Amino acid sequence: MRPAAAPGILKGALFAVSCLVLSGCISLGEKAPEQLFRLTPEETAPTGATASGKLSDAIVVMDPETDRSLDVLRIPVRVDASQLAYLQNAAWIEKPAREFRSLLAETVRTETGRLVVEGGDFEVTGETFLRGRLLEMGYDVPRGAVVVRFDAIRSGAPGSEVVTKRFEAVVTGVEPKAKYVGPALNQAANDVARQVADWIKGG
């Protein structure tokens, strides 16, 4: 008579078999990209720095609008005027509009020293509203460059003057590979954010 299998061994064997069966029936998602991109500010407020005041005096930074090419986690590659592809083996950790908003808010906070808040919870308050449209944040094949382009809209209380301005930063000489495009995107986005902060400071 063959000895009975130990309970622990039997349970382990059953678990292994069930995993093999399930692996042929379900998918746990696509293979993760080799590189995940995020935007990090080159200048940040020092630890312990504070800004206080009334929300009615704050700068409110809203999510920029985008077209569909930037409303995804993939990094757009402009092949020519009419063709768009996406960079291989790379993705954003969250959508570019949200990444850029966070970078912009931190840069404006650092450069101006003013109270800066983000997002939709403060839509009805604030002295200055900063919104706009993120037109481009990706790789341009004909130019061999990374391009970040942002149409900013600055406004105040309802009925006040609305001012718009286009900002752009280009980093040339970039190979279309994730390990080069990621740092170049961060550099260009920080450049644009500083330009916007200077614009806000200038009133």
C-alpha atoms as a PDB file:
ATOM      1  CA  MET A   1       0.000   0.000   0.000  1.00  0.00           C
ATOM      2  CA  ARG A   2       1.343   3.449  -0.990  1.00  0.00           C
ATOM      3  CA  PRO A   3       1.776   5.939   1.879  1.00  0.00           C
ATOM      4  CA  ALA A   4      -0.737   8.828   1.997  1.00  0.00           C
ATOM      5  CA  ALA A   5       0.574  12.177   0.876  1.00  0.00           C
ATOM      6  CA  ALA A   6       1.153  14.749   3.591  1.00  0.00           C
ATOM      7  CA  PRO A   7      -1.647  17.352   3.758  1.00  0.00           C
ATOM      8  CA  GLY A   8       0.730  20.255   3.033  1.00  0.00           C
ATOM      9  CA  ILE A   9       2.207  18.554  -0.039  1.00  0.00           C
ATOM     10  CA  LEU A  10      -1.265  17.664  -1.328  1.00  0.00           C
ATOM     11  CA  LYS A  11      -2.510  21.233  -0.945  1.00  0.00           C
ATOM     12  CA  GLY A  12       0.590  22.586  -2.704  1.00  0.00           C
ATOM     13  CA  ALA A  13       0.129  20.206  -5.616  1.00  0.00           C
ATOM     14  CA  LEU A  14      -3.534  21.134  -6.001  1.00  0.00           C
ATOM     15  CA  PHE A  15      -2.647  24.837  -5.929  1.00  0.00           C
ATOM     16  CA  ALA A  16       0.013  24.364  -8.632  1.00  0.00           C
ATOM     17  CA  VAL A  17      -2.434  22.460 -10.844  1.00  0.00           C
ATOM     18  CA  SER A  18      -5.123  25.117 -10.400  1.00  0.00           C
ATOM     19  CA  CYS A  19      -2.625  27.843 -11.370  1.00  0.00           C
ATOM     20  CA  LEU A  20      -1.676  25.972 -14.532  1.00  0.00           C
ATOM     21  CA  VAL A  21      -5.333  25.571 -15.463  1.00  0.00           C
ATOM     22  CA  LEU A  22      -6.153  29.226 -14.810  1.00  0.00           C
ATOM     23  CA  SER A  23      -3.096  30.467 -16.704  1.00  0.00           C
ATOM     24  CA  GLY A  24      -4.632  29.113 -19.887  1.00  0.00           C
ATOM     25  CA  CYS A  25      -7.946  30.875 -19.251  1.00  0.00           C
ATOM     26  CA  ILE A  26      -7.129  34.343 -17.962  1.00  0.00           C
ATOM     27  CA  SER A  27      -4.588  37.084 -18.542  1.00  0.00           C
ATOM     28  CA  LEU A  28      -3.266  39.351 -15.826  1.00  0.00           C
ATOM     29  CA  GLY A  29      -2.570  42.149 -18.300  1.00  0.00           C
ATOM     30  CA  GLU A  30       0.028  43.138 -20.856  1.00  0.00           C
ATOM     31  CA  LYS A  31       3.707  43.021 -20.098  1.00  0.00           C
ATOM     32  CA  ALA A  32       4.757  46.113 -18.176  1.00  0.00           C
ATOM     33  CA  PRO A  33       6.819  48.629 -20.186  1.00  0.00           C
ATOM     34  CA  GLU A  34      10.547  48.653 -19.556  1.00  0.00           C
ATOM     35  CA  GLN A  35      10.495  52.295 -18.458  1.00  0.00           C
ATOM     36  CA  LEU A  36       7.860  54.377 -16.674  1.00  0.00           C
ATOM     37  CA  PHE A  37       8.099  58.153 -17.041  1.00  0.00           C
ATOM     38  CA  ARG A  38       7.160  60.838 -14.554  1.00  0.00           C
ATOM     39  CA  LEU A  39       7.871  64.558 -14.393  1.00  0.00           C
ATOM     40  CA  THR A  40       9.927  65.793 -11.461  1.00  0.00           C
ATOM     41  CA  PRO A  41      10.495  69.482 -10.697  1.00  0.00           C
ATOM     42  CA  GLU A  42      14.067  70.681 -10.998  1.00  0.00           C
ATOM     43  CA  GLU A  43      13.345  73.317  -8.348  1.00  0.00           C
ATOM     44  CA  THR A  44      11.247  72.623  -5.256  1.00  0.00           C
ATOM     45  CA  ALA A  45      10.378  74.523  -2.126  1.00  0.00           C
ATOM     46  CA  PRO A  46      12.749  73.614   0.724  1.00  0.00           C
ATOM     47  CA  THR A  47      11.595  71.309   3.503  1.00  0.00           C
ATOM     48  CA  GLY A  48       9.615  73.251   6.086  1.00  0.00           C
ATOM     49  CA  ALA A  49       8.713  76.059   3.707  1.00  0.00           C
ATOM     50  CA  THR A  50       5.119  77.222   4.149  1.00  0.00           C
ATOM     51  CA  ALA A  51       2.707  79.446   2.295  1.00  0.00           C
ATOM     52  CA  SER A  52      -0.508  80.553   3.912  1.00  0.00           C
ATOM     53  CA  GLY A  53      -3.385  82.834   3.140  1.00  0.00           C
ATOM     54  CA  LYS A  54      -6.989  82.852   2.116  1.00  0.00           C
ATOM     55  CA  LEU A  55      -8.105  80.554  -0.675  1.00  0.00           C
ATOM     56  CA  SER A  56      -9.531  83.647  -2.322  1.00  0.00           C
ATOM     57  CA  ASP A  57      -5.940  84.888  -2.728  1.00  0.00           C
ATOM     58  CA  ALA A  58      -4.499  81.616  -4.041  1.00  0.00           C
ATOM     59  CA  ILE A  59      -3.220  80.653  -7.470  1.00  0.00           C
ATOM     60  CA  VAL A  60      -5.343  77.750  -8.667  1.00  0.00           C
ATOM     61  CA  VAL A  61      -3.692  75.401 -11.179  1.00  0.00           C
ATOM     62  CA  MET A  62      -6.172  73.328 -13.160  1.00  0.00           C
ATOM     63  CA  ASP A  63      -5.710  70.208 -15.293  1.00  0.00           C
ATOM     64  CA  PRO A  64      -4.786  71.293 -18.825  1.00  0.00           C
ATOM     65  CA  GLU A  65      -6.936  70.068 -21.665  1.00  0.00           C
ATOM     66  CA  THR A  66      -5.405  67.704 -24.241  1.00  0.00           C
ATOM     67  CA  ASP A  67      -6.352  65.957 -27.435  1.00  0.00           C
ATOM     68  CA  ARG A  68      -6.641  62.168 -27.581  1.00  0.00           C
ATOM     69  CA  SER A  69      -2.983  61.618 -28.401  1.00  0.00           C
ATOM     70  CA  LEU A  70      -2.081  62.882 -24.909  1.00  0.00           C
ATOM     71  CA  ASP A  71      -5.076  61.438 -23.092  1.00  0.00           C
ATOM     72  CA  VAL A  72      -3.284  58.096 -22.725  1.00  0.00           C
ATOM     73  CA  LEU A  73      -0.304  56.712 -20.808  1.00  0.00           C
ATOM     74  CA  ARG A  74       1.807  56.200 -23.941  1.00  0.00           C
ATOM     75  CA  ILE A  75       4.362  58.719 -25.258  1.00  0.00           C
ATOM     76  CA  PRO A  76       3.448  60.146 -28.673  1.00  0.00           C
ATOM     77  CA  VAL A  77       5.952  60.142 -31.515  1.00  0.00           C
ATOM     78  CA  ARG A  78       5.163  62.558 -34.353  1.00  0.00           C
ATOM     79  CA  VAL A  79       6.342  60.868 -37.556  1.00  0.00           C
ATOM     80  CA  ASP A  80       5.249  63.712 -39.844  1.00  0.00           C
ATOM     81  CA  ALA A  81       2.449  66.254 -40.126  1.00  0.00           C
ATOM     82  CA  SER A  82      -0.231  63.577 -40.419  1.00  0.00           C
ATOM     83  CA  GLN A  83       1.170  60.429 -38.785  1.00  0.00           C
ATOM     84  CA  LEU A  84       1.503  59.622 -35.115  1.00  0.00           C
ATOM     85  CA  ALA A  85       3.019  56.590 -33.401  1.00  0.00           C
ATOM     86  CA  TYR A  86       3.977  55.785 -29.823  1.00  0.00           C
ATOM     87  CA  LEU A  87       7.371  55.234 -28.214  1.00  0.00           C
ATOM     88  CA  GLN A  88       8.218  51.598 -27.601  1.00  0.00           C
ATOM     89  CA  ASN A  89       8.891  50.166 -24.141  1.00  0.00           C
ATOM     90  CA  ALA A  90       7.820  53.276 -22.237  1.00  0.00           C
ATOM     91  CA  ALA A  91       4.736  54.777 -20.599  1.00  0.00           C
ATOM     92  CA  TRP A  92       3.704  57.526 -18.178  1.00  0.00           C
ATOM     93  CA  ILE A  93       2.843  56.519 -14.629  1.00  0.00           C
ATOM     94  CA  GLU A  94      -0.253  58.727 -14.980  1.00  0.00           C
ATOM     95  CA  LYS A  95      -1.734  60.770 -17.803  1.00  0.00           C
ATOM     96  CA  PRO A  96       0.481  63.608 -19.082  1.00  0.00           C
ATOM     97  CA  ALA A  97      -2.020  66.360 -18.218  1.00  0.00           C
ATOM     98  CA  ARG A  98      -1.955  65.417 -14.535  1.00  0.00           C
ATOM     99  CA  GLU A  99       1.831  65.016 -14.547  1.00  0.00           C
ATOM    100  CA  PHE A 100       2.249  68.467 -16.096  1.00  0.00           C
ATOM    101  CA  ARG A 101      -0.251  70.086 -13.726  1.00  0.00           C
ATOM    102  CA  SER A 102       1.645  68.835 -10.667  1.00  0.00           C
ATOM    103  CA  LEU A 103       4.967  70.010 -12.097  1.00  0.00           C
ATOM    104  CA  LEU A 104       3.513  73.396 -13.013  1.00  0.00           C
ATOM    105  CA  ALA A 105       1.971  73.906  -9.566  1.00  0.00           C
ATOM    106  CA  GLU A 106       5.214  73.067  -7.754  1.00  0.00           C
ATOM    107  CA  THR A 107       7.253  75.336 -10.020  1.00  0.00           C
ATOM    108  CA  VAL A 108       4.847  78.276  -9.623  1.00  0.00           C
ATOM    109  CA  ARG A 109       4.804  77.693  -5.846  1.00  0.00           C
ATOM    110  CA  THR A 110       8.597  77.725  -5.686  1.00  0.00           C
ATOM    111  CA  GLU A 111       9.100  80.689  -8.003  1.00  0.00           C
ATOM    112  CA  THR A 112       6.396  82.953  -6.575  1.00  0.00           C
ATOM    113  CA  GLY A 113       6.293  81.965  -2.900  1.00  0.00           C
ATOM    114  CA  ARG A 114       2.512  82.272  -3.040  1.00  0.00           C
ATOM    115  CA  LEU A 115      -0.217  79.896  -1.943  1.00  0.00           C
ATOM    116  CA  VAL A 116      -0.825  77.485  -4.830  1.00  0.00           C
ATOM    117  CA  VAL A 117      -3.536  74.823  -4.934  1.00  0.00           C
ATOM    118  CA  GLU A 118      -4.343  72.208  -7.544  1.00  0.00           C
ATOM    119  CA  GLY A 119      -7.418  70.724  -9.081  1.00  0.00           C
ATOM    120  CA  GLY A 120     -11.170  71.001  -9.125  1.00  0.00           C
ATOM    121  CA  ASP A 121     -11.938  71.396  -5.411  1.00  0.00           C
ATOM    122  CA  PHE A 122     -11.133  75.096  -5.583  1.00  0.00           C
ATOM    123  CA  GLU A 123     -12.738  76.027  -8.881  1.00  0.00           C
ATOM    124  CA  VAL A 124     -14.933  78.740  -7.357  1.00  0.00           C
ATOM    125  CA  THR A 125     -12.198  80.448  -5.330  1.00  0.00           C
ATOM    126  CA  GLY A 126      -8.765  81.895  -5.964  1.00  0.00           C
ATOM    127  CA  GLU A 127      -7.331  85.180  -7.113  1.00  0.00           C
ATOM    128  CA  THR A 128      -5.597  83.751 -10.175  1.00  0.00           C
ATOM    129  CA  PHE A 129      -6.638  80.750 -12.240  1.00  0.00           C
ATOM    130  CA  LEU A 130      -4.100  78.997 -14.436  1.00  0.00           C
ATOM    131  CA  ARG A 131      -5.479  76.607 -17.020  1.00  0.00           C
ATOM    132  CA  GLY A 132      -4.804  75.912 -20.662  1.00  0.00           C
ATOM    133  CA  ARG A 133      -4.205  73.259 -23.273  1.00  0.00           C
ATOM    134  CA  LEU A 134      -1.218  70.930 -23.458  1.00  0.00           C
ATOM    135  CA  LEU A 135      -0.663  70.797 -27.209  1.00  0.00           C
ATOM    136  CA  GLU A 136       2.401  68.613 -27.392  1.00  0.00           C
ATOM    137  CA  MET A 137       4.573  66.581 -25.054  1.00  0.00           C
ATOM    138  CA  GLY A 138       6.426  63.913 -26.965  1.00  0.00           C
ATOM    139  CA  TYR A 139       9.024  63.117 -29.594  1.00  0.00           C
ATOM    140  CA  ASP A 140       9.234  64.784 -33.012  1.00  0.00           C
ATOM    141  CA  VAL A 141      10.933  62.576 -35.611  1.00  0.00           C
ATOM    142  CA  PRO A 142      11.672  65.199 -38.331  1.00  0.00           C
ATOM    143  CA  ARG A 143      13.357  67.452 -35.772  1.00  0.00           C
ATOM    144  CA  GLY A 144      15.017  64.644 -33.818  1.00  0.00           C
ATOM    145  CA  ALA A 145      13.797  66.416 -30.711  1.00  0.00           C
ATOM    146  CA  VAL A 146      11.505  66.336 -27.729  1.00  0.00           C
ATOM    147  CA  VAL A 147       8.863  69.086 -27.764  1.00  0.00           C
ATOM    148  CA  VAL A 148       6.620  70.424 -25.008  1.00  0.00           C
ATOM    149  CA  ARG A 149       4.088  73.069 -26.030  1.00  0.00           C
ATOM    150  CA  PHE A 150       1.477  74.635 -23.747  1.00  0.00           C
ATOM    151  CA  ASP A 151      -1.184  77.272 -24.398  1.00  0.00           C
ATOM    152  CA  ALA A 152      -1.679  78.909 -20.994  1.00  0.00           C
ATOM    153  CA  ILE A 153      -4.784  80.825 -19.935  1.00  0.00           C
ATOM    154  CA  ARG A 154      -4.574  83.164 -16.945  1.00  0.00           C
ATOM    155  CA  SER A 155      -7.699  84.686 -15.461  1.00  0.00           C
ATOM    156  CA  GLY A 156      -8.990  86.136 -12.227  1.00  0.00           C
ATOM    157  CA  ALA A 157     -12.413  86.613 -10.764  1.00  0.00           C
ATOM    158  CA  PRO A 158     -15.454  86.259 -13.054  1.00  0.00           C
ATOM    159  CA  GLY A 159     -15.614  89.214 -15.400  1.00  0.00           C
ATOM    160  CA  SER A 160     -11.892  89.976 -15.149  1.00  0.00           C
ATOM    161  CA  GLU A 161      -9.459  90.071 -18.053  1.00  0.00           C
ATOM    162  CA  VAL A 162      -8.366  86.766 -19.592  1.00  0.00           C
ATOM    163  CA  VAL A 163      -4.794  86.547 -20.907  1.00  0.00           C
ATOM    164  CA  THR A 164      -3.364  83.745 -23.039  1.00  0.00           C
ATOM    165  CA  LYS A 165       0.191  82.933 -24.073  1.00  0.00           C
ATOM    166  CA  ARG A 166       1.906  80.029 -25.820  1.00  0.00           C
ATOM    167  CA  PHE A 167       5.010  78.469 -24.285  1.00  0.00           C
ATOM    168  CA  GLU A 168       7.348  75.960 -25.852  1.00  0.00           C
ATOM    169  CA  ALA A 169      10.586  74.150 -25.089  1.00  0.00           C
ATOM    170  CA  VAL A 170      12.559  71.958 -27.496  1.00  0.00           C
ATOM    171  CA  VAL A 171      15.424  69.608 -26.647  1.00  0.00           C
ATOM    172  CA  THR A 172      17.275  68.641 -29.814  1.00  0.00           C
ATOM    173  CA  GLY A 173      19.707  65.833 -30.602  1.00  0.00           C
ATOM    174  CA  VAL A 174      17.631  63.197 -28.800  1.00  0.00           C
ATOM    175  CA  GLU A 175      17.600  59.602 -30.028  1.00  0.00           C
ATOM    176  CA  PRO A 176      14.100  58.045 -30.207  1.00  0.00           C
ATOM    177  CA  LYS A 177      14.783  55.644 -27.362  1.00  0.00           C
ATOM    178  CA  ALA A 178      13.072  55.605 -23.983  1.00  0.00           C
ATOM    179  CA  LYS A 179      16.293  56.094 -21.986  1.00  0.00           C
ATOM    180  CA  TYR A 180      16.956  59.378 -23.830  1.00  0.00           C
ATOM    181  CA  VAL A 181      13.417  60.631 -24.379  1.00  0.00           C
ATOM    182  CA  GLY A 182      12.421  60.417 -20.691  1.00  0.00           C
ATOM    183  CA  PRO A 183      15.070  62.825 -19.321  1.00  0.00           C
ATOM    184  CA  ALA A 184      14.582  65.158 -22.304  1.00  0.00           C
ATOM    185  CA  LEU A 185      10.822  65.331 -21.658  1.00  0.00           C
ATOM    186  CA  ASN A 186      11.483  66.209 -18.031  1.00  0.00           C
ATOM    187  CA  GLN A 187      13.939  68.924 -19.066  1.00  0.00           C
ATOM    188  CA  ALA A 188      11.564  70.467 -21.595  1.00  0.00           C
ATOM    189  CA  ALA A 189       8.547  70.333 -19.271  1.00  0.00           C
ATOM    190  CA  ASN A 190      10.531  72.057 -16.507  1.00  0.00           C
ATOM    191  CA  ASP A 191      11.605  74.733 -18.989  1.00  0.00           C
ATOM    192  CA  VAL A 192       7.985  75.429 -19.939  1.00  0.00           C
ATOM    193  CA  ALA A 193       6.885  75.436 -16.279  1.00  0.00           C
ATOM    194  CA  ARG A 194       9.554  78.044 -15.425  1.00  0.00           C
ATOM    195  CA  GLN A 195       8.447  80.207 -18.342  1.00  0.00           C
ATOM    196  CA  VAL A 196       4.864  80.078 -17.096  1.00  0.00           C
ATOM    197  CA  ALA A 197       5.940  80.885 -13.517  1.00  0.00           C
ATOM    198  CA  ASP A 198       7.863  83.939 -14.737  1.00  0.00           C
ATOM    199  CA  TRP A 199       4.757  85.018 -16.664  1.00  0.00           C
ATOM    200  CA  ILE A 200       2.631  84.690 -13.517  1.00  0.00           C
ATOM    201  CA  LYS A 201       5.182  86.685 -11.481  1.00  0.00           C
ATOM    202  CA  GLY A 202       5.156  89.427 -14.069  1.00  0.00           C
ATOM    203  CA  GLY A 203       1.421  89.821 -13.569  1.00  0.00           C
END
